[in-house]
Amino acid sequence: MARDFAKRLASGEIVLFDGGMGTEIAARGGTPGAASNVECPEIVLAIQREYAQAGAQVITANTFGANRLALAKGGAADRTREFIEAACRLGRKAAGRARFLAGDIGATGEFLEPYGAVTAEAMRACFEEAARALAENGADLFLVETLSEAQELTLAVRACKAVAPGLAVAATMSFDPVRDDFRTNTGLTAAAAARAMTDAGADVIGANCGTVTPERMPELVARMRAASDRPILIQANAGLPELRQGRTAYGLSPEDFAAGMAAAVQAGAQLAGGCCGTTPAHIAALRAALSRG
């Protein structure tokens, strides 16, 4: 499958990813996070199967927070491999033979020295542990996502490459609109971030989450395309978050989401999917929009 994904990238064909996981788990009564793979596996599997039915060609393992440093905050660091193995079993069931399984690697939630207490060596070891478990349990590619700091992203991408050099690595960062540009919360512009992801060795670069709405994603794609020749992945939220009855909600309709994301593909993104607040209905609408050209 890993070779097939590399061929898919090289073909230039559009690749459709799945959508939000944490928000969908919460909406169905579960508790988002890596532990849900063992505490409510039926919810995780149902969501992933619905994304597959909606047309997603890449199913993302529910491992966004499954790294030792992130899990240590809840006293679950020693369950890292358990959570990853469970996530890959579920994801592989949903993906089947016809779809790719992406091993998801998110931020550690820690700061590197001298701003924090974690050394670069410790952070890289953390990412290598997660990447190794993902590769050994059937991941066809890595998705390093929702990062905002270049050094942490570089450590994550290079850890993936060191552990499984045959697997493609997609890397995405989160942006907010700032005046006439887009920036991560550490100040990187879209162009600077594109160069940082490219220099780190990512096979795919892009953006996810953040506060860049689907309708503005084409602008962000254009800035990245001008700075790098790597394939671009865009996974926007279902609009901006709103507080409804004490809970965070995303109100952008599947049709409006799909219109913005289809425009981002026309602007140069080769890979597209959803992030927070998106549902199987959003991915089905995006598939329909892309099929219309």
Protein backbone atom coordinates (compact mmCIF):
# COMPACT_ATOMS: atom_id res chain seq x y z
CA MET A 1 0.00 0.00 0.00
CA ALA A 2 2.85 2.39 0.80
CA ARG A 3 4.16 2.09 -2.76
CA ASP A 4 0.66 2.63 -4.07
CA PHE A 5 0.35 5.87 -2.11
CA ALA A 6 3.62 7.14 -3.54
CA LYS A 7 2.32 6.28 -7.00
CA ARG A 8 -0.93 8.10 -6.28
CA LEU A 9 1.01 11.22 -5.32
CA ALA A 10 3.17 10.99 -8.40
CA SER A 11 0.12 10.58 -10.64
CA GLY A 12 -1.16 14.03 -9.72
CA GLU A 13 -4.64 12.62 -9.02
CA ILE A 14 -6.70 14.28 -6.30
CA VAL A 15 -6.67 12.36 -3.01
CA LEU A 16 -9.60 12.66 -0.60
CA PHE A 17 -8.87 12.38 3.13
CA ASP A 18 -11.45 11.82 5.87
CA GLY A 19 -12.70 14.45 8.32
CA GLY A 20 -12.94 15.30 12.00
CA MET A 21 -12.51 12.56 14.59
CA GLY A 22 -12.44 14.18 18.04
CA THR A 23 -15.54 16.28 17.42
CA GLU A 24 -17.36 13.27 15.98
CA ILE A 25 -16.47 11.06 18.95
CA ALA A 26 -17.78 13.73 21.32
CA ALA A 27 -20.97 14.16 19.28
CA ARG A 28 -21.65 10.43 19.61
CA GLY A 29 -21.19 10.31 23.36
CA GLY A 30 -17.55 9.26 23.61
CA THR A 31 -14.52 10.97 25.09
CA PRO A 32 -12.08 12.18 22.40
CA GLY A 33 -8.49 11.05 22.61
CA ALA A 34 -6.28 8.03 22.11
CA ALA A 35 -7.93 6.13 24.96
CA SER A 36 -11.17 6.00 22.98
CA ASN A 37 -9.59 3.28 20.84
CA VAL A 38 -9.93 0.89 23.79
CA GLU A 39 -12.75 2.54 25.76
CA CYS A 40 -15.26 3.03 22.92
CA PRO A 41 -13.82 1.27 19.86
CA GLU A 42 -17.26 0.80 18.35
CA ILE A 43 -17.69 4.58 18.08
CA VAL A 44 -14.28 5.07 16.47
CA LEU A 45 -14.85 2.27 13.97
CA ALA A 46 -18.34 3.49 13.07
CA ILE A 47 -17.02 6.98 12.32
CA GLN A 48 -14.19 5.67 10.17
CA ARG A 49 -16.49 3.34 8.25
CA GLU A 50 -18.84 6.23 7.53
CA TYR A 51 -15.93 8.27 6.18
CA ALA A 52 -15.00 5.36 3.94
CA GLN A 53 -18.59 5.15 2.69
CA ALA A 54 -18.56 8.92 2.10
CA GLY A 55 -15.70 8.47 -0.34
CA ALA A 56 -12.55 9.08 1.70
CA GLN A 57 -9.54 7.40 0.12
CA VAL A 58 -7.40 7.91 3.24
CA ILE A 59 -8.62 6.85 6.67
CA THR A 60 -6.72 8.43 9.54
CA ALA A 61 -5.87 6.32 12.58
CA ASN A 62 -7.18 7.83 15.83
CA THR A 63 -3.68 8.49 17.17
CA PHE A 64 -3.45 12.29 17.16
CA GLY A 65 -2.58 12.46 20.89
CA ALA A 66 -0.92 9.05 21.10
CA ASN A 67 2.65 9.96 21.94
CA ARG A 68 4.44 9.50 25.24
CA LEU A 69 4.86 13.17 26.12
CA ALA A 70 1.24 14.03 25.39
CA LEU A 71 -0.14 10.98 27.19
CA ALA A 72 2.03 11.65 30.25
CA LYS A 73 -0.23 14.54 31.15
CA GLY A 74 -3.00 12.06 31.91
CA GLY A 75 -0.73 9.44 33.43
CA ALA A 76 -1.02 7.16 30.39
CA ALA A 77 2.47 7.40 28.87
CA ASP A 78 3.06 3.66 29.27
CA ARG A 79 -0.07 2.91 27.23
CA THR A 80 1.27 4.58 24.09
CA ARG A 81 1.77 1.37 22.11
CA GLU A 82 -1.50 -0.13 23.37
CA PHE A 83 -3.47 2.85 22.12
CA ILE A 84 -1.66 2.93 18.77
CA GLU A 85 -2.09 -0.79 18.14
CA ALA A 86 -5.82 -0.54 18.93
CA ALA A 87 -6.18 2.51 16.67
CA CYS A 88 -4.47 0.78 13.76
CA ARG A 89 -6.64 -2.32 14.10
CA LEU A 90 -9.75 -0.15 13.89
CA GLY A 91 -8.43 2.01 11.09
CA ARG A 92 -7.34 -0.99 9.05
CA LYS A 93 -10.81 -2.53 9.37
CA ALA A 94 -12.41 0.65 8.09
CA ALA A 95 -9.85 1.22 5.34
CA GLY A 96 -9.88 -2.33 4.03
CA ARG A 97 -7.75 -3.05 0.99
CA ALA A 98 -9.06 -0.24 -1.14
CA ARG A 99 -8.01 2.71 1.04
CA PHE A 100 -4.87 3.98 2.70
CA LEU A 101 -4.35 4.18 6.46
CA ALA A 102 -2.59 7.32 7.70
CA GLY A 103 -0.76 7.13 11.01
CA ASP A 104 -1.60 10.39 12.78
CA ILE A 105 1.11 12.16 14.80
CA GLY A 106 0.19 15.35 16.65
CA ALA A 107 2.10 17.75 18.85
CA THR A 108 3.54 16.74 22.21
CA GLY A 109 2.12 19.76 24.01
CA GLU A 110 5.59 20.51 25.37
CA PHE A 111 8.13 23.23 24.64
CA LEU A 112 11.70 22.49 23.66
CA GLU A 113 14.63 23.88 25.59
CA PRO A 114 15.35 26.69 26.40
CA TYR A 115 11.65 27.68 26.47
CA GLY A 116 10.61 24.40 28.05
CA ALA A 117 12.11 21.39 29.80
CA VAL A 118 12.17 18.89 26.91
CA THR A 119 15.37 18.28 24.95
CA ALA A 120 15.35 17.81 21.20
CA GLU A 121 16.66 14.28 21.72
CA ALA A 122 13.79 13.38 24.05
CA MET A 123 11.20 14.82 21.71
CA ARG A 124 12.61 13.02 18.70
CA ALA A 125 12.65 9.75 20.68
CA CYS A 126 9.00 10.34 21.55
CA PHE A 127 8.09 10.78 17.89
CA GLU A 128 10.18 7.78 16.84
CA GLU A 129 8.35 5.56 19.34
CA ALA A 130 4.98 6.60 17.94
CA ALA A 131 6.09 6.33 14.32
CA ARG A 132 7.56 2.87 14.85
CA ALA A 133 4.36 1.58 16.42
CA LEU A 134 2.30 3.03 13.56
CA ALA A 135 4.53 1.56 10.86
CA GLU A 136 4.61 -1.85 12.55
CA ASN A 137 0.81 -1.91 12.76
CA GLY A 138 -0.12 -1.20 9.18
CA ALA A 139 0.12 2.53 8.52
CA ASP A 140 0.62 3.29 4.82
CA LEU A 141 1.77 6.87 5.39
CA PHE A 142 2.32 9.32 8.22
CA LEU A 143 0.27 12.44 8.87
CA VAL A 144 2.13 14.93 11.09
CA GLU A 145 -0.56 17.52 11.78
CA THR A 146 -1.71 20.61 13.67
CA LEU A 147 1.79 21.81 14.51
CA SER A 148 2.77 25.45 14.73
CA GLU A 149 6.49 25.40 15.57
CA ALA A 150 9.11 24.55 12.96
CA GLN A 151 11.58 22.69 15.17
CA GLU A 152 9.00 20.33 16.63
CA LEU A 153 7.62 19.65 13.15
CA THR A 154 11.10 18.96 11.82
CA LEU A 155 11.79 16.50 14.64
CA ALA A 156 8.52 14.69 13.96
CA VAL A 157 9.00 14.44 10.19
CA ARG A 158 12.60 13.27 10.49
CA ALA A 159 11.66 10.73 13.15
CA CYS A 160 9.12 9.24 10.73
CA LYS A 161 11.70 9.14 7.95
CA ALA A 162 14.28 7.49 10.22
CA VAL A 163 11.91 4.79 11.44
CA ALA A 164 10.15 4.00 8.15
CA PRO A 165 11.96 5.59 5.20
CA GLY A 166 9.64 3.84 2.74
CA LEU A 167 6.52 5.61 3.97
CA ALA A 168 5.45 9.03 2.75
CA VAL A 169 5.12 11.80 5.32
CA ALA A 170 2.45 14.49 5.04
CA ALA A 171 2.96 17.49 7.33
CA THR A 172 0.43 20.21 8.03
CA MET A 173 0.52 23.29 10.23
CA SER A 174 -2.28 25.42 11.67
CA PHE A 175 -2.75 29.04 10.62
CA ASP A 176 -4.76 32.13 11.48
CA PRO A 177 -5.45 35.05 9.12
CA VAL A 178 -3.19 37.97 10.07
CA ARG A 179 -3.67 41.18 8.08
CA ASP A 180 -2.95 40.19 4.46
CA ASP A 181 -1.24 36.87 5.25
CA PHE A 182 -1.61 33.71 7.33
CA ARG A 183 0.55 32.86 10.32
CA THR A 184 1.02 30.03 12.81
CA ASN A 185 0.77 30.99 16.47
CA THR A 186 4.58 31.06 16.55
CA GLY A 187 4.65 33.67 13.77
CA LEU A 188 5.50 31.63 10.67
CA THR A 189 3.93 32.94 7.49
CA ALA A 190 2.35 30.51 5.04
CA ALA A 191 5.38 30.74 2.76
CA ALA A 192 7.88 30.33 5.61
CA ALA A 193 5.96 27.35 6.94
CA ALA A 194 5.86 25.77 3.48
CA ARG A 195 9.63 26.11 3.24
CA ALA A 196 10.11 24.71 6.76
CA MET A 197 7.97 21.65 6.00
CA THR A 198 9.80 21.12 2.72
CA ASP A 199 13.22 21.50 4.34
CA ALA A 200 12.20 19.01 7.05
CA GLY A 201 11.75 16.41 4.31
CA ALA A 202 7.95 16.15 4.17
CA ASP A 203 6.64 14.56 0.98
CA VAL A 204 3.38 16.50 1.32
CA ILE A 205 2.91 19.89 2.98
CA GLY A 206 -0.18 21.82 3.92
CA ALA A 207 -2.56 23.25 6.49
CA ASN A 208 -5.23 21.98 8.83
CA CYS A 209 -7.40 23.25 11.68
CA GLY A 210 -6.70 26.84 12.79
CA THR A 211 -9.08 29.69 11.93
CA VAL A 212 -8.64 29.80 8.17
CA THR A 213 -12.11 29.09 6.80
CA PRO A 214 -12.60 26.95 3.68
CA GLU A 215 -13.42 30.01 1.59
CA ARG A 216 -9.98 31.48 2.36
CA MET A 217 -8.05 28.25 1.88
CA PRO A 218 -7.41 28.99 -1.82
CA GLU A 219 -5.38 32.06 -0.78
CA LEU A 220 -3.31 30.01 1.64
CA VAL A 221 -2.74 27.31 -0.98
CA ALA A 222 -1.51 29.92 -3.47
CA ARG A 223 1.06 31.22 -0.98
CA MET A 224 2.31 27.72 -0.25
CA ARG A 225 2.43 26.79 -3.91
CA ALA A 226 4.62 29.82 -4.60
CA ALA A 227 7.08 28.69 -1.91
CA SER A 228 7.29 24.93 -2.51
CA ASP A 229 6.76 22.35 -5.25
CA ARG A 230 5.52 19.64 -2.86
CA PRO A 231 1.96 18.32 -3.12
CA ILE A 232 -0.37 20.28 -0.82
CA LEU A 233 -2.89 18.86 1.65
CA ILE A 234 -5.69 21.04 3.02
CA GLN A 235 -7.96 19.97 5.89
CA ALA A 236 -10.09 22.87 7.07
CA ASN A 237 -12.52 23.01 9.96
CA ALA A 238 -16.26 23.30 9.33
CA GLY A 239 -16.05 27.07 9.73
CA LEU A 240 -15.16 29.02 12.85
CA PRO A 241 -15.94 27.61 16.30
CA GLU A 242 -18.97 28.91 18.18
CA LEU A 243 -20.06 28.40 21.77
CA ARG A 244 -23.51 26.81 21.90
CA GLN A 245 -25.02 25.82 25.23
CA GLY A 246 -21.57 25.65 26.77
CA ARG A 247 -20.09 23.49 24.01
CA THR A 248 -17.90 24.31 21.03
CA ALA A 249 -19.70 23.84 17.73
CA TYR A 250 -18.94 24.34 14.05
CA GLY A 251 -21.79 25.47 11.85
CA LEU A 252 -20.58 25.49 8.25
CA SER A 253 -22.82 23.33 6.07
CA PRO A 254 -21.39 20.43 4.06
CA GLU A 255 -22.21 22.28 0.83
CA ASP A 256 -20.44 25.51 1.82
CA PHE A 257 -17.48 23.56 3.18
CA ALA A 258 -17.21 21.63 -0.08
CA ALA A 259 -17.38 24.78 -2.21
CA GLY A 260 -14.44 26.36 -0.41
CA MET A 261 -12.37 23.21 -0.41
CA ALA A 262 -13.03 22.51 -4.08
CA ALA A 263 -11.77 26.02 -4.83
CA ALA A 264 -8.63 25.22 -2.81
CA VAL A 265 -8.07 22.19 -5.00
CA GLN A 266 -8.46 24.37 -8.09
CA ALA A 267 -5.86 26.71 -6.55
CA GLY A 268 -3.33 23.89 -6.39
CA ALA A 269 -4.06 21.50 -3.52
CA GLN A 270 -3.79 17.85 -4.54
CA LEU A 271 -5.06 16.37 -1.27
CA ALA A 272 -8.11 17.53 0.66
CA GLY A 273 -10.18 16.54 3.68
CA GLY A 274 -11.67 17.95 6.85
CA CYS A 275 -10.71 18.74 10.41
CA CYS A 276 -12.70 19.87 13.47
CA GLY A 277 -16.46 19.89 13.07
CA THR A 278 -16.46 18.13 9.73
CA THR A 279 -18.53 14.96 9.42
CA PRO A 280 -19.00 12.16 6.88
CA ALA A 281 -21.61 14.42 5.25
CA HIS A 282 -18.95 17.11 4.70
CA ILE A 283 -16.62 14.59 3.07
CA ALA A 284 -19.43 13.22 0.87
CA ALA A 285 -20.24 16.77 -0.24
CA LEU A 286 -16.57 17.42 -1.02
CA ARG A 287 -16.33 14.21 -3.01
CA ALA A 288 -19.38 15.28 -5.05
CA ALA A 289 -17.96 18.77 -5.61
CA LEU A 290 -14.63 17.37 -6.80
CA SER A 291 -16.34 14.90 -9.12
CA ARG A 292 -18.11 17.80 -10.80
CA GLY A 293 -14.70 19.29 -11.54
